[in-house]
N, C-alpha and C. Protein backbone atom coordinates (compact mmCIF):
# COMPACT_ATOMS: atom_id res chain seq x y z
N MET A 1 31.97 -26.48 77.87
CA MET A 1 31.94 -27.30 77.11
C MET A 1 31.83 -26.31 75.59
N SER A 2 32.67 -26.32 74.52
CA SER A 2 32.90 -25.85 73.35
C SER A 2 31.18 -25.89 72.56
N ASN A 3 31.33 -24.38 71.63
CA ASN A 3 30.02 -24.55 70.84
C ASN A 3 30.32 -25.66 69.89
N GLN A 4 31.34 -26.16 69.41
CA GLN A 4 31.41 -27.03 68.49
C GLN A 4 30.99 -28.26 68.87
N THR A 5 31.49 -28.53 70.50
CA THR A 5 31.18 -30.04 71.30
C THR A 5 29.66 -30.08 71.13
N THR A 6 29.05 -28.82 72.02
CA THR A 6 27.65 -29.16 72.13
C THR A 6 26.85 -29.18 70.91
N TYR A 7 27.50 -29.08 69.61
CA TYR A 7 26.82 -29.09 68.33
C TYR A 7 27.02 -30.54 68.10
N ILE A 8 28.09 -31.17 68.09
CA ILE A 8 28.17 -32.62 67.98
C ILE A 8 27.55 -33.45 68.98
N VAL A 9 27.61 -33.00 70.26
CA VAL A 9 26.38 -34.00 71.42
C VAL A 9 25.04 -33.86 70.75
N SER A 10 24.37 -32.57 70.26
CA SER A 10 23.27 -32.62 69.96
C SER A 10 22.85 -33.47 68.44
N ALA A 11 24.02 -33.24 67.58
CA ALA A 11 23.84 -34.27 66.74
C ALA A 11 23.61 -35.47 66.92
N ILE A 12 24.45 -36.12 67.76
CA ILE A 12 24.10 -37.52 68.19
C ILE A 12 23.20 -37.87 68.83
N VAL A 13 22.75 -37.09 69.68
CA VAL A 13 21.68 -37.26 70.33
C VAL A 13 20.07 -37.31 69.43
N LEU A 14 20.30 -36.81 68.38
CA LEU A 14 18.93 -36.75 67.22
C LEU A 14 19.28 -37.80 66.56
N ALA A 15 20.91 -38.15 66.22
CA ALA A 15 20.69 -39.11 65.46
C ALA A 15 20.37 -40.75 65.87
N ALA A 16 20.72 -40.61 67.56
CA ALA A 16 20.13 -41.80 68.05
C ALA A 16 18.57 -41.83 68.31
N ILE A 17 17.80 -40.70 68.50
CA ILE A 17 16.26 -40.70 68.48
C ILE A 17 15.70 -41.60 66.91
N ILE A 18 16.29 -41.23 66.25
CA ILE A 18 15.82 -41.49 64.62
C ILE A 18 16.23 -43.16 64.15
N ILE A 19 17.49 -43.09 64.87
CA ILE A 19 17.62 -45.03 64.61
C ILE A 19 16.90 -45.80 65.54
N ALA A 20 16.69 -45.15 66.89
CA ALA A 20 15.78 -45.89 67.80
C ALA A 20 14.63 -46.35 66.81
N GLY A 21 13.95 -45.07 66.22
CA GLY A 21 12.77 -45.10 65.82
C GLY A 21 12.80 -46.19 64.51
N ALA A 22 13.64 -46.04 63.83
CA ALA A 22 13.96 -46.97 62.59
C ALA A 22 14.00 -48.49 62.91
N ILE A 23 14.76 -49.00 64.17
CA ILE A 23 14.34 -49.82 64.78
C ILE A 23 13.30 -50.59 65.15
N MET A 24 12.73 -49.82 65.90
CA MET A 24 11.39 -49.97 66.30
C MET A 24 10.31 -50.50 65.77
N TYR A 25 10.52 -49.71 64.34
CA TYR A 25 9.26 -49.87 63.18
C TYR A 25 9.71 -51.19 62.34
N SER A 26 11.22 -51.47 62.47
CA SER A 26 11.76 -52.66 61.45
C SER A 26 10.57 -54.15 61.55
N SER A 27 10.10 -53.75 62.91
CA SER A 27 9.37 -55.35 63.28
C SER A 27 7.85 -54.74 63.13
N ASP A 28 7.33 -53.99 62.70
CA ASP A 28 5.94 -53.40 62.83
C ASP A 28 5.33 -53.75 61.56
N PRO A 29 4.36 -54.74 61.52
CA PRO A 29 3.60 -55.27 60.32
C PRO A 29 2.73 -54.29 60.08
N ASP A 30 2.74 -53.12 60.46
CA ASP A 30 1.68 -51.90 59.64
C ASP A 30 2.89 -51.28 58.68
N ILE A 31 3.93 -51.32 58.80
CA ILE A 31 5.00 -50.14 58.26
C ILE A 31 4.34 -50.27 56.73
N LYS A 32 4.28 -51.67 56.16
CA LYS A 32 4.34 -52.06 54.64
C LYS A 32 2.65 -52.13 54.13
N ARG A 33 1.88 -51.82 55.01
CA ARG A 33 0.44 -51.64 54.79
C ARG A 33 -0.07 -50.35 54.47
N GLY A 34 -0.25 -49.60 55.09
CA GLY A 34 -0.91 -48.07 55.02
C GLY A 34 -1.79 -48.23 53.94
N THR A 35 -2.43 -46.91 53.85
CA THR A 35 -3.64 -46.85 52.66
C THR A 35 -3.03 -45.50 52.18
N ALA A 36 -4.00 -45.80 50.62
CA ALA A 36 -3.60 -44.58 49.52
C ALA A 36 -3.27 -43.03 50.24
N GLY A 37 -2.29 -42.52 49.84
CA GLY A 37 -2.25 -41.26 50.15
C GLY A 37 -1.33 -40.85 51.63
N THR A 38 -1.14 -42.05 52.31
CA THR A 38 -0.66 -41.85 53.47
C THR A 38 0.95 -41.98 53.86
N VAL A 39 1.51 -41.51 54.57
CA VAL A 39 3.34 -41.94 54.85
C VAL A 39 3.24 -43.28 55.67
N PRO A 40 3.86 -44.16 55.30
CA PRO A 40 3.84 -45.49 56.16
C PRO A 40 4.85 -44.80 57.43
N LEU A 41 4.07 -45.82 58.42
CA LEU A 41 4.59 -45.19 60.08
C LEU A 41 6.01 -45.49 60.14
N GLY A 42 6.78 -45.67 59.52
CA GLY A 42 8.45 -45.60 59.70
C GLY A 42 9.03 -44.76 59.16
N SER A 43 8.48 -43.27 58.87
CA SER A 43 8.95 -42.41 58.28
C SER A 43 9.85 -41.65 59.15
N GLY A 44 9.54 -41.47 60.59
CA GLY A 44 10.41 -41.22 61.27
C GLY A 44 10.75 -39.70 61.36
N VAL A 45 11.69 -38.97 61.55
CA VAL A 45 12.05 -37.94 61.85
C VAL A 45 13.09 -37.40 60.64
N VAL A 46 12.91 -35.71 60.57
CA VAL A 46 13.74 -35.16 59.58
C VAL A 46 14.32 -34.17 60.42
N ALA A 47 15.78 -33.84 60.10
CA ALA A 47 16.37 -33.16 61.20
C ALA A 47 16.22 -31.77 61.03
N GLN A 48 15.76 -31.35 59.67
CA GLN A 48 16.24 -29.57 59.38
C GLN A 48 14.78 -29.25 59.85
N ALA A 49 14.67 -27.99 60.88
CA ALA A 49 13.63 -27.41 61.14
C ALA A 49 13.13 -26.34 60.28
N THR A 50 11.68 -26.30 60.05
CA THR A 50 11.10 -25.11 59.28
C THR A 50 10.61 -24.21 60.11
N GLU A 51 10.48 -23.24 59.79
CA GLU A 51 9.85 -21.68 60.58
C GLU A 51 8.37 -21.97 60.16
N ILE A 52 7.53 -21.95 61.02
CA ILE A 52 5.88 -22.16 60.73
C ILE A 52 5.28 -21.07 61.85
N ALA A 53 4.73 -20.21 61.24
CA ALA A 53 3.75 -18.92 62.07
C ALA A 53 2.76 -19.42 62.81
N ILE A 54 2.61 -19.27 63.99
CA ILE A 54 1.10 -19.84 64.39
C ILE A 54 0.38 -18.21 65.01
N THR A 55 -0.78 -18.45 64.31
CA THR A 55 -1.63 -17.05 64.28
C THR A 55 -2.84 -17.30 65.49
N ASP A 56 -3.66 -16.37 65.31
CA ASP A 56 -4.89 -16.19 66.16
C ASP A 56 -5.91 -16.83 65.61
N GLN A 57 -5.80 -17.29 64.22
CA GLN A 57 -6.94 -18.16 63.25
C GLN A 57 -6.47 -20.02 63.97
N ASP A 58 -5.49 -20.14 64.18
CA ASP A 58 -5.12 -21.39 64.50
C ASP A 58 -5.82 -21.92 65.93
N HIS A 59 -6.08 -23.59 65.80
CA HIS A 59 -6.69 -24.27 66.75
C HIS A 59 -5.62 -24.74 67.84
N ILE A 60 -5.78 -24.15 69.22
CA ILE A 60 -4.65 -24.47 69.97
C ILE A 60 -4.93 -25.30 70.94
N ARG A 61 -4.55 -26.28 71.56
CA ARG A 61 -4.80 -27.11 72.67
C ARG A 61 -3.69 -27.23 73.48
N GLY A 62 -3.79 -26.96 74.98
CA GLY A 62 -2.66 -26.93 76.05
C GLY A 62 -2.35 -25.68 76.00
N ASN A 63 -1.22 -25.40 76.69
CA ASN A 63 -0.71 -24.55 77.36
C ASN A 63 -0.29 -23.29 75.91
N VAL A 64 -1.21 -21.98 75.96
CA VAL A 64 -0.55 -21.32 74.50
C VAL A 64 0.96 -20.69 74.61
N ASN A 65 1.56 -20.70 76.07
CA ASN A 65 2.92 -20.11 75.96
C ASN A 65 4.02 -21.21 76.21
N ALA A 66 3.58 -22.23 75.66
CA ALA A 66 4.52 -23.43 76.05
C ALA A 66 5.74 -23.44 74.99
N SER A 67 6.78 -23.97 75.40
CA SER A 67 8.15 -24.02 74.67
C SER A 67 7.70 -24.80 73.25
N ILE A 68 7.20 -25.74 73.24
CA ILE A 68 7.29 -26.77 72.47
C ILE A 68 5.98 -26.36 71.77
N THR A 69 5.95 -26.40 70.27
CA THR A 69 4.41 -26.36 69.30
C THR A 69 4.59 -27.24 68.69
N ILE A 70 3.66 -28.44 68.84
CA ILE A 70 3.59 -29.18 67.73
C ILE A 70 2.20 -29.10 66.90
N VAL A 71 2.52 -28.69 65.69
CA VAL A 71 1.63 -28.39 64.85
C VAL A 71 1.64 -29.85 63.70
N GLU A 72 0.05 -30.47 63.78
CA GLU A 72 -0.23 -31.50 63.49
C GLU A 72 -1.32 -31.57 61.96
N TYR A 73 -0.63 -31.78 61.00
CA TYR A 73 -1.40 -31.61 59.50
C TYR A 73 -2.31 -33.07 59.67
N SER A 74 -3.72 -32.78 59.64
CA SER A 74 -4.26 -34.37 59.81
C SER A 74 -5.86 -34.47 58.93
N ASP A 75 -6.24 -35.77 58.85
CA ASP A 75 -7.20 -35.99 58.06
C ASP A 75 -8.34 -36.84 59.20
N PHE A 76 -9.49 -36.22 59.21
CA PHE A 76 -10.55 -37.25 59.87
C PHE A 76 -10.88 -38.71 59.73
N GLU A 77 -10.49 -38.71 58.20
CA GLU A 77 -10.64 -40.12 57.79
C GLU A 77 -9.78 -41.12 57.98
N CYS A 78 -8.37 -40.36 57.95
CA CYS A 78 -7.41 -41.32 58.34
C CYS A 78 -7.19 -42.05 59.14
N PRO A 79 -6.75 -43.62 58.93
CA PRO A 79 -6.79 -44.60 60.17
C PRO A 79 -5.47 -44.29 61.26
N TYR A 80 -4.16 -43.69 60.31
CA TYR A 80 -3.08 -43.18 61.23
C TYR A 80 -3.43 -42.25 61.98
N CYS A 81 -4.52 -41.20 61.50
CA CYS A 81 -4.54 -40.06 62.27
C CYS A 81 -5.32 -40.40 63.68
N GLY A 82 -6.21 -41.66 63.31
CA GLY A 82 -6.64 -42.11 64.31
C GLY A 82 -6.18 -42.67 65.46
N ARG A 83 -4.84 -43.06 65.13
CA ARG A 83 -3.97 -43.69 65.85
C ARG A 83 -3.33 -42.85 66.72
N PHE A 84 -2.69 -41.82 65.92
CA PHE A 84 -1.92 -40.84 66.45
C PHE A 84 -2.96 -40.04 67.47
N HIS A 85 -3.98 -39.77 67.06
CA HIS A 85 -4.59 -38.71 68.29
C HIS A 85 -4.37 -39.25 69.88
N PRO A 86 -4.66 -40.26 70.19
CA PRO A 86 -4.81 -40.38 71.63
C PRO A 86 -3.09 -40.44 72.13
N ILE A 87 -2.12 -40.47 70.99
CA ILE A 87 -0.62 -40.44 71.46
C ILE A 87 -0.37 -38.87 71.72
N MET A 88 -1.22 -37.94 70.68
CA MET A 88 -0.93 -36.68 71.08
C MET A 88 -1.88 -36.20 72.26
N ILE A 89 -2.99 -36.72 72.57
CA ILE A 89 -3.37 -36.26 73.84
C ILE A 89 -2.63 -36.98 74.98
N GLN A 90 -1.89 -37.84 75.17
CA GLN A 90 -0.94 -38.28 76.29
C GLN A 90 -0.11 -37.50 76.29
N ALA A 91 0.62 -37.04 75.16
CA ALA A 91 1.67 -35.98 75.29
C ALA A 91 1.25 -34.89 76.06
N LEU A 92 0.19 -34.50 75.74
CA LEU A 92 -0.36 -32.94 76.44
C LEU A 92 -0.73 -33.37 77.72
N SER A 93 -1.00 -34.64 78.11
CA SER A 93 -1.18 -34.97 79.41
C SER A 93 0.04 -34.65 80.51
N ASP A 94 1.31 -35.75 79.73
CA ASP A 94 2.54 -35.55 80.47
C ASP A 94 3.40 -34.22 80.51
N TYR A 95 3.02 -33.35 79.67
CA TYR A 95 3.85 -32.12 79.44
C TYR A 95 2.88 -31.33 79.28
N PRO A 96 1.81 -30.86 80.59
CA PRO A 96 0.93 -29.78 80.24
C PRO A 96 1.27 -28.43 80.11
N GLU A 97 2.60 -28.11 80.73
CA GLU A 97 3.36 -26.86 80.76
C GLU A 97 4.33 -26.54 79.47
N ASP A 98 4.50 -27.68 79.14
CA ASP A 98 5.78 -27.85 78.00
C ASP A 98 5.58 -27.52 76.64
N VAL A 99 3.87 -28.41 76.09
CA VAL A 99 3.61 -28.72 74.71
C VAL A 99 2.35 -28.00 74.71
N ARG A 100 2.27 -27.34 73.39
CA ARG A 100 0.84 -27.30 72.92
C ARG A 100 0.84 -27.57 71.48
N TRP A 101 -0.48 -28.02 71.23
CA TRP A 101 -0.97 -28.47 70.22
C TRP A 101 -1.34 -27.67 68.98
N VAL A 102 -1.14 -27.72 67.70
CA VAL A 102 -1.66 -26.94 66.58
C VAL A 102 -2.39 -28.07 65.70
N TYR A 103 -3.84 -27.81 65.54
CA TYR A 103 -4.24 -28.78 64.28
C TYR A 103 -4.56 -27.99 63.53
N ARG A 104 -4.26 -28.68 62.25
CA ARG A 104 -4.45 -27.92 60.83
C ARG A 104 -5.06 -28.81 59.89
N HIS A 105 -5.63 -28.68 58.76
CA HIS A 105 -6.20 -30.04 58.31
C HIS A 105 -5.58 -30.36 56.98
N PHE A 106 -5.60 -31.21 56.42
CA PHE A 106 -5.02 -31.53 55.52
C PHE A 106 -6.16 -32.83 55.18
N PRO A 107 -7.09 -32.64 54.28
CA PRO A 107 -7.74 -33.80 54.04
C PRO A 107 -7.50 -34.46 52.58
N LEU A 108 -7.20 -35.68 52.53
CA LEU A 108 -6.48 -36.49 51.61
C LEU A 108 -7.79 -36.38 50.19
N ARG A 109 -7.47 -36.27 49.23
CA ARG A 109 -8.35 -36.30 48.54
C ARG A 109 -8.98 -37.62 48.50
N GLY A 110 -8.62 -38.56 48.31
CA GLY A 110 -8.91 -40.02 48.24
C GLY A 110 -10.20 -40.35 49.44
N HIS A 111 -10.20 -39.33 50.65
CA HIS A 111 -10.83 -40.00 51.69
C HIS A 111 -12.47 -39.02 51.38
N LEU A 112 -13.68 -39.35 51.10
CA LEU A 112 -15.01 -38.54 50.99
C LEU A 112 -15.04 -37.83 51.62
N GLN A 113 -15.13 -38.32 53.10
CA GLN A 113 -15.71 -37.55 54.35
C GLN A 113 -14.47 -36.60 55.00
N ALA A 114 -13.28 -36.88 54.29
CA ALA A 114 -12.39 -35.70 55.18
C ALA A 114 -12.34 -34.06 55.14
N GLN A 115 -13.28 -33.80 53.60
CA GLN A 115 -13.04 -32.15 53.60
C GLN A 115 -14.59 -31.93 54.37
N PRO A 116 -15.48 -32.93 54.12
CA PRO A 116 -16.82 -32.07 54.90
C PRO A 116 -16.85 -32.16 56.13
N ALA A 117 -15.77 -33.46 56.99
CA ALA A 117 -15.70 -33.37 58.25
C ALA A 117 -15.10 -32.02 58.98
N ALA A 118 -13.76 -31.64 57.69
CA ALA A 118 -13.08 -30.56 58.56
C ALA A 118 -13.96 -29.19 58.38
N GLU A 119 -14.99 -29.04 57.13
CA GLU A 119 -15.53 -28.09 57.31
C GLU A 119 -16.48 -27.89 58.62
N ALA A 120 -17.23 -28.97 58.73
CA ALA A 120 -18.14 -29.20 59.73
C ALA A 120 -17.52 -28.42 61.30
N SER A 121 -16.35 -28.88 61.28
CA SER A 121 -15.49 -28.50 62.46
C SER A 121 -15.35 -27.46 62.69
N GLU A 122 -15.11 -26.30 61.35
CA GLU A 122 -15.04 -24.94 61.37
C GLU A 122 -16.17 -24.45 61.64
N CYS A 123 -17.64 -25.03 61.54
CA CYS A 123 -18.65 -24.53 61.72
C CYS A 123 -19.08 -24.68 63.17
N VAL A 124 -18.68 -25.94 63.75
CA VAL A 124 -18.37 -25.85 65.50
C VAL A 124 -17.67 -24.78 65.87
N ALA A 125 -16.26 -24.83 65.29
CA ALA A 125 -15.85 -23.84 66.26
C ALA A 125 -16.30 -22.25 65.97
N GLU A 126 -17.12 -22.02 64.75
CA GLU A 126 -17.55 -20.47 64.78
C GLU A 126 -18.68 -20.16 66.04
N GLN A 127 -18.77 -21.07 66.42
CA GLN A 127 -20.10 -20.76 67.69
C GLN A 127 -19.52 -21.02 69.13
N LYS A 128 -18.51 -22.14 68.88
CA LYS A 128 -18.07 -22.89 70.38
C LYS A 128 -16.71 -22.42 70.51
N GLY A 129 -15.94 -21.56 69.54
CA GLY A 129 -14.52 -21.84 69.53
C GLY A 129 -13.61 -23.03 69.81
N ASP A 130 -12.57 -22.49 70.36
CA ASP A 130 -11.50 -23.95 70.23
C ASP A 130 -12.09 -24.91 71.25
N GLU A 131 -12.40 -24.62 72.23
CA GLU A 131 -13.02 -25.75 73.27
C GLU A 131 -14.20 -26.70 72.58
N GLY A 132 -15.11 -26.36 71.52
CA GLY A 132 -15.96 -26.81 71.16
C GLY A 132 -15.28 -27.48 69.64
N PHE A 133 -14.54 -26.82 68.96
CA PHE A 133 -13.41 -27.58 67.93
C PHE A 133 -13.00 -28.82 68.53
N TRP A 134 -12.25 -28.81 69.36
CA TRP A 134 -11.52 -29.86 69.90
C TRP A 134 -12.85 -31.16 70.43
N SER A 135 -13.62 -30.66 70.91
CA SER A 135 -14.64 -31.76 71.46
C SER A 135 -15.00 -32.37 70.06
N PHE A 136 -15.21 -31.75 69.18
CA PHE A 136 -15.98 -32.44 67.82
C PHE A 136 -14.64 -33.05 67.17
N VAL A 137 -13.65 -32.63 67.32
CA VAL A 137 -12.01 -33.63 66.77
C VAL A 137 -12.12 -34.79 67.32
N ASP A 138 -12.05 -34.59 68.96
CA ASP A 138 -12.03 -35.89 69.54
C ASP A 138 -13.08 -36.95 69.08
N ALA A 139 -14.37 -36.61 69.38
CA ALA A 139 -15.60 -37.27 68.57
C ALA A 139 -15.25 -37.97 67.21
N MET A 140 -14.86 -37.37 66.30
CA MET A 140 -14.56 -37.76 64.66
C MET A 140 -13.66 -38.94 65.01
N PHE A 141 -12.58 -38.69 65.73
CA PHE A 141 -11.35 -39.81 65.86
C PHE A 141 -11.84 -41.01 66.82
N GLU A 142 -12.83 -40.59 67.60
CA GLU A 142 -13.34 -41.74 68.15
C GLU A 142 -14.05 -42.78 67.52
N ASN A 143 -15.03 -42.07 66.45
CA ASN A 143 -15.82 -42.55 65.78
C ASN A 143 -15.57 -42.31 64.61
N GLN A 144 -14.70 -43.13 64.13
CA GLN A 144 -14.29 -42.69 62.56
C GLN A 144 -15.26 -43.57 61.46
N GLU A 145 -15.96 -44.55 62.09
CA GLU A 145 -16.92 -45.36 61.39
C GLU A 145 -18.06 -44.73 61.21
N ARG A 146 -18.20 -43.94 61.65
CA ARG A 146 -19.57 -43.06 61.86
C ARG A 146 -19.53 -41.85 60.98
N LEU A 147 -18.49 -41.55 60.44
CA LEU A 147 -18.02 -40.21 59.59
C LEU A 147 -19.55 -39.95 58.70
N GLY A 148 -20.03 -39.06 58.61
CA GLY A 148 -21.27 -38.49 57.54
C GLY A 148 -21.88 -37.35 58.28
N GLU A 149 -22.69 -36.75 57.54
CA GLU A 149 -23.62 -35.68 57.42
C GLU A 149 -24.08 -35.53 58.85
N GLU A 150 -25.03 -36.76 59.22
CA GLU A 150 -25.81 -37.13 60.23
C GLU A 150 -24.81 -36.65 61.73
N PHE A 151 -24.02 -37.82 61.74
CA PHE A 151 -23.15 -37.50 62.62
C PHE A 151 -22.51 -36.07 62.84
N TYR A 152 -21.98 -35.45 62.06
CA TYR A 152 -21.52 -34.40 62.11
C TYR A 152 -22.57 -33.30 63.16
N ARG A 153 -23.88 -33.42 62.36
CA ARG A 153 -24.50 -32.59 63.09
C ARG A 153 -25.26 -33.25 64.54
N GLU A 154 -25.15 -34.59 64.87
CA GLU A 154 -25.28 -35.22 65.90
C GLU A 154 -24.51 -34.47 67.18
N VAL A 155 -23.08 -34.58 66.66
CA VAL A 155 -21.96 -34.19 67.79
C VAL A 155 -22.13 -32.70 67.57
N ALA A 156 -22.36 -31.92 66.75
CA ALA A 156 -22.67 -30.40 67.11
C ALA A 156 -23.73 -29.98 68.23
N GLY A 157 -25.11 -30.93 67.95
CA GLY A 157 -25.91 -30.80 68.76
C GLY A 157 -25.44 -30.72 70.26
N GLU A 158 -24.62 -32.18 70.64
CA GLU A 158 -24.16 -32.76 71.90
C GLU A 158 -23.22 -31.31 72.44
N ILE A 159 -22.72 -30.66 71.31
CA ILE A 159 -21.47 -29.59 72.07
C ILE A 159 -22.64 -28.17 72.31
N GLY A 160 -23.46 -28.64 71.45
CA GLY A 160 -24.71 -27.12 72.40
C GLY A 160 -24.67 -25.87 70.97
N VAL A 161 -24.31 -26.49 69.87
CA VAL A 161 -24.17 -25.15 68.73
C VAL A 161 -25.69 -25.07 68.46
N ASN A 162 -26.09 -23.92 67.88
CA ASN A 162 -27.18 -23.57 66.96
C ASN A 162 -27.31 -24.36 65.94
N LEU A 163 -28.14 -25.73 65.77
CA LEU A 163 -27.98 -26.56 64.68
C LEU A 163 -28.71 -25.75 63.45
N VAL A 164 -29.49 -24.75 63.54
CA VAL A 164 -29.69 -24.01 62.35
C VAL A 164 -28.64 -22.75 61.59
N GLN A 165 -28.08 -22.56 62.22
CA GLN A 165 -26.50 -22.11 62.04
C GLN A 165 -25.66 -22.43 61.45
N PHE A 166 -25.58 -23.84 62.22
CA PHE A 166 -24.57 -24.71 61.74
C PHE A 166 -25.00 -25.50 60.48
N ASP A 167 -26.13 -25.77 60.15
CA ASP A 167 -26.93 -26.49 58.69
C ASP A 167 -26.50 -25.40 57.74
N SER A 168 -26.79 -24.34 58.16
CA SER A 168 -26.41 -23.17 56.74
C SER A 168 -25.16 -22.98 56.82
N CYS A 169 -24.10 -23.33 57.69
CA CYS A 169 -22.90 -22.91 57.47
C CYS A 169 -22.17 -24.14 56.96
N VAL A 170 -22.47 -25.60 56.93
CA VAL A 170 -22.47 -26.63 56.35
C VAL A 170 -22.91 -26.57 54.93
N SER A 171 -23.89 -26.00 54.56
CA SER A 171 -24.22 -26.18 53.62
C SER A 171 -24.14 -25.22 52.40
N SER A 172 -23.15 -24.37 53.03
CA SER A 172 -23.06 -23.12 52.19
C SER A 172 -21.30 -23.36 51.99
N SER A 173 -20.77 -24.43 52.44
CA SER A 173 -19.36 -24.64 52.44
C SER A 173 -18.62 -23.13 52.71
N LYS A 174 -18.83 -23.04 53.79
CA LYS A 174 -18.81 -21.39 54.44
C LYS A 174 -16.49 -21.62 54.52
N TYR A 175 -16.25 -22.62 55.41
CA TYR A 175 -15.30 -22.77 55.27
C TYR A 175 -14.17 -23.63 54.77
N ALA A 176 -14.93 -23.93 53.37
CA ALA A 176 -13.95 -24.60 52.63
C ALA A 176 -12.76 -24.07 52.08
N ASN A 177 -12.82 -22.61 51.99
CA ASN A 177 -11.45 -21.87 51.58
C ASN A 177 -10.10 -22.05 52.61
N ARG A 178 -11.02 -21.86 54.12
CA ARG A 178 -10.16 -22.49 55.46
C ARG A 178 -9.42 -23.74 55.38
N VAL A 179 -10.29 -24.47 55.05
CA VAL A 179 -9.66 -26.07 55.22
C VAL A 179 -8.40 -25.88 53.99
N ASN A 180 -9.30 -25.61 52.72
CA ASN A 180 -7.95 -25.57 51.70
C ASN A 180 -6.81 -25.16 51.76
N SER A 181 -6.78 -23.72 52.42
CA SER A 181 -5.90 -22.95 52.60
C SER A 181 -4.75 -23.87 54.04
N ASP A 182 -5.21 -24.34 54.65
CA ASP A 182 -4.29 -25.43 55.60
C ASP A 182 -3.73 -26.50 54.71
N TYR A 183 -4.41 -26.87 53.78
CA TYR A 183 -4.06 -27.93 52.98
C TYR A 183 -2.64 -27.65 51.91
N GLU A 184 -3.18 -26.35 51.25
CA GLU A 184 -2.12 -25.86 50.69
C GLU A 184 -0.89 -25.34 51.43
N GLU A 185 -1.04 -25.15 52.44
CA GLU A 185 -0.10 -24.60 53.25
C GLU A 185 0.78 -25.83 53.54
N GLY A 186 0.23 -26.83 54.09
CA GLY A 186 0.96 -28.45 54.55
C GLY A 186 1.90 -28.62 53.22
N ILE A 187 0.98 -28.62 52.09
CA ILE A 187 1.74 -29.03 50.68
C ILE A 187 3.24 -28.15 50.77
N GLN A 188 3.18 -27.14 50.76
CA GLN A 188 4.27 -25.76 50.85
C GLN A 188 5.40 -26.61 51.63
N LEU A 189 5.08 -26.71 53.16
CA LEU A 189 5.72 -27.44 54.29
C LEU A 189 6.30 -28.66 53.60
N GLY A 190 5.95 -29.50 52.74
CA GLY A 190 6.51 -30.87 52.69
C GLY A 190 5.71 -31.87 53.10
N VAL A 191 4.54 -31.60 53.25
CA VAL A 191 3.81 -32.77 53.96
C VAL A 191 2.80 -33.51 52.70
N THR A 192 3.09 -35.03 52.51
CA THR A 192 3.14 -35.59 51.67
C THR A 192 1.78 -36.69 52.15
N GLY A 193 1.22 -36.82 53.09
CA GLY A 193 0.60 -37.63 53.96
C GLY A 193 -0.02 -37.28 55.33
N THR A 194 -0.55 -38.17 55.70
CA THR A 194 -1.36 -37.73 57.49
C THR A 194 -0.87 -39.21 58.04
N PRO A 195 -0.83 -38.59 59.51
CA PRO A 195 -0.58 -37.30 60.10
C PRO A 195 0.79 -36.59 59.59
N GLY A 196 1.07 -35.58 59.38
CA GLY A 196 2.33 -34.83 58.90
C GLY A 196 2.50 -34.06 60.23
N SER A 197 3.43 -33.82 60.96
CA SER A 197 3.58 -33.29 62.21
C SER A 197 4.89 -32.54 62.04
N PHE A 198 5.26 -31.33 62.93
CA PHE A 198 6.58 -30.55 63.05
C PHE A 198 6.32 -30.18 64.74
N VAL A 199 7.18 -30.66 65.38
CA VAL A 199 7.75 -30.33 66.69
C VAL A 199 8.95 -29.67 66.71
N ASN A 200 8.23 -28.14 67.02
CA ASN A 200 9.09 -26.91 66.78
C ASN A 200 9.47 -26.71 65.59
N GLY A 201 9.16 -27.26 64.29
CA GLY A 201 9.32 -26.98 63.05
C GLY A 201 9.91 -28.31 62.61
N VAL A 202 10.60 -29.09 63.40
CA VAL A 202 11.29 -30.31 62.93
C VAL A 202 10.18 -31.27 62.49
N PRO A 203 9.90 -31.78 61.30
CA PRO A 203 9.04 -32.74 60.64
C PRO A 203 9.18 -34.15 61.37
N VAL A 204 7.97 -34.64 61.60
CA VAL A 204 7.88 -36.15 62.33
C VAL A 204 6.53 -36.43 61.34
N LYS A 205 6.97 -37.63 60.63
CA LYS A 205 6.47 -37.97 59.24
C LYS A 205 5.39 -39.27 60.05
N GLY A 206 4.15 -39.38 60.11
CA GLY A 206 3.64 -40.57 60.29
C GLY A 206 3.13 -40.87 61.59
N ALA A 207 2.28 -41.87 62.25
CA ALA A 207 1.62 -41.82 63.48
C ALA A 207 2.68 -42.38 64.16
N VAL A 208 3.85 -41.86 64.48
CA VAL A 208 5.03 -42.50 65.65
C VAL A 208 4.37 -42.95 66.70
N PRO A 209 4.67 -43.82 67.28
CA PRO A 209 4.67 -44.14 68.63
C PRO A 209 5.15 -43.30 69.76
N TYR A 210 4.29 -43.27 70.97
CA TYR A 210 4.51 -42.34 72.08
C TYR A 210 6.04 -42.52 72.62
N GLU A 211 6.68 -43.33 73.01
CA GLU A 211 8.16 -43.15 73.35
C GLU A 211 8.93 -42.42 72.01
N GLN A 212 8.53 -42.22 70.92
CA GLN A 212 9.55 -42.09 70.00
C GLN A 212 9.05 -40.51 70.01
N LEU A 213 7.85 -39.99 70.15
CA LEU A 213 7.45 -38.79 70.33
C LEU A 213 7.62 -38.21 71.57
N LYS A 214 7.84 -39.01 72.97
CA LYS A 214 8.51 -38.53 74.00
C LYS A 214 10.04 -38.12 73.82
N SER A 215 10.51 -38.90 72.88
CA SER A 215 12.16 -38.76 73.36
C SER A 215 12.44 -37.44 72.09
N ILE A 216 11.65 -37.00 71.05
CA ILE A 216 11.77 -35.88 70.63
C ILE A 216 11.32 -35.03 71.26
N ILE A 217 10.48 -34.92 72.14
CA ILE A 217 10.00 -33.65 73.23
C ILE A 217 10.91 -33.43 73.92
N GLU A 218 11.60 -34.51 74.53
CA GLU A 218 12.65 -34.48 75.52
C GLU A 218 14.00 -33.88 75.05
N ALA A 219 14.40 -34.14 73.67
CA ALA A 219 15.43 -33.54 72.92
C ALA A 219 15.29 -32.18 72.83
N GLN A 220 14.01 -31.71 73.03
CA GLN A 220 13.58 -30.06 72.70
C GLN A 220 13.86 -29.23 74.02
N LEU A 221 13.47 -30.22 75.22
CA LEU A 221 13.34 -29.36 76.34
C LEU A 221 14.68 -29.42 76.71
């Protein structure tokens, strides 16, 4: 098969994924609702890939040497992020060797608990590393209705952090710059709402259903 033919076939496959996603969403009543600052669920995939550097500072879940990297810019208070979180967990479960998940903060300014929760997650990571960080993340999305200072402290205690150190970290806003840096980088990459994800640099906007995400992963494989 010539390079030109390969390119054409790849373009057709990607177009099919995008069209399928659009058809799937056309009957979804949630598309037109949304919340302020979020991207509607039907936004789908943008074809052009972006180079995104992964560093030692990133929180990575899954096989660190995986061929597919999904970078998610997310907000603990965003209902669509809460919907997308178990979808990402399923992707890791189905592709344990092929996919790694990188979480970055994108606290929407209209969400009062998004920034404090993000900073608290970094205070947990300071003591318990990525394992503690992801445990905290899971708890936030499983209990979005409980977001608040008391809940962050409760979860941190269950994870086993030193609460005196945690309290000092949170009250001093030690990781505000880290969270804001993620946010600013997301803006530069074109993220306009949450969840805003990139599969090997290809933007995926909104809480796409698992079958659509799986199709994108399969296309990359």
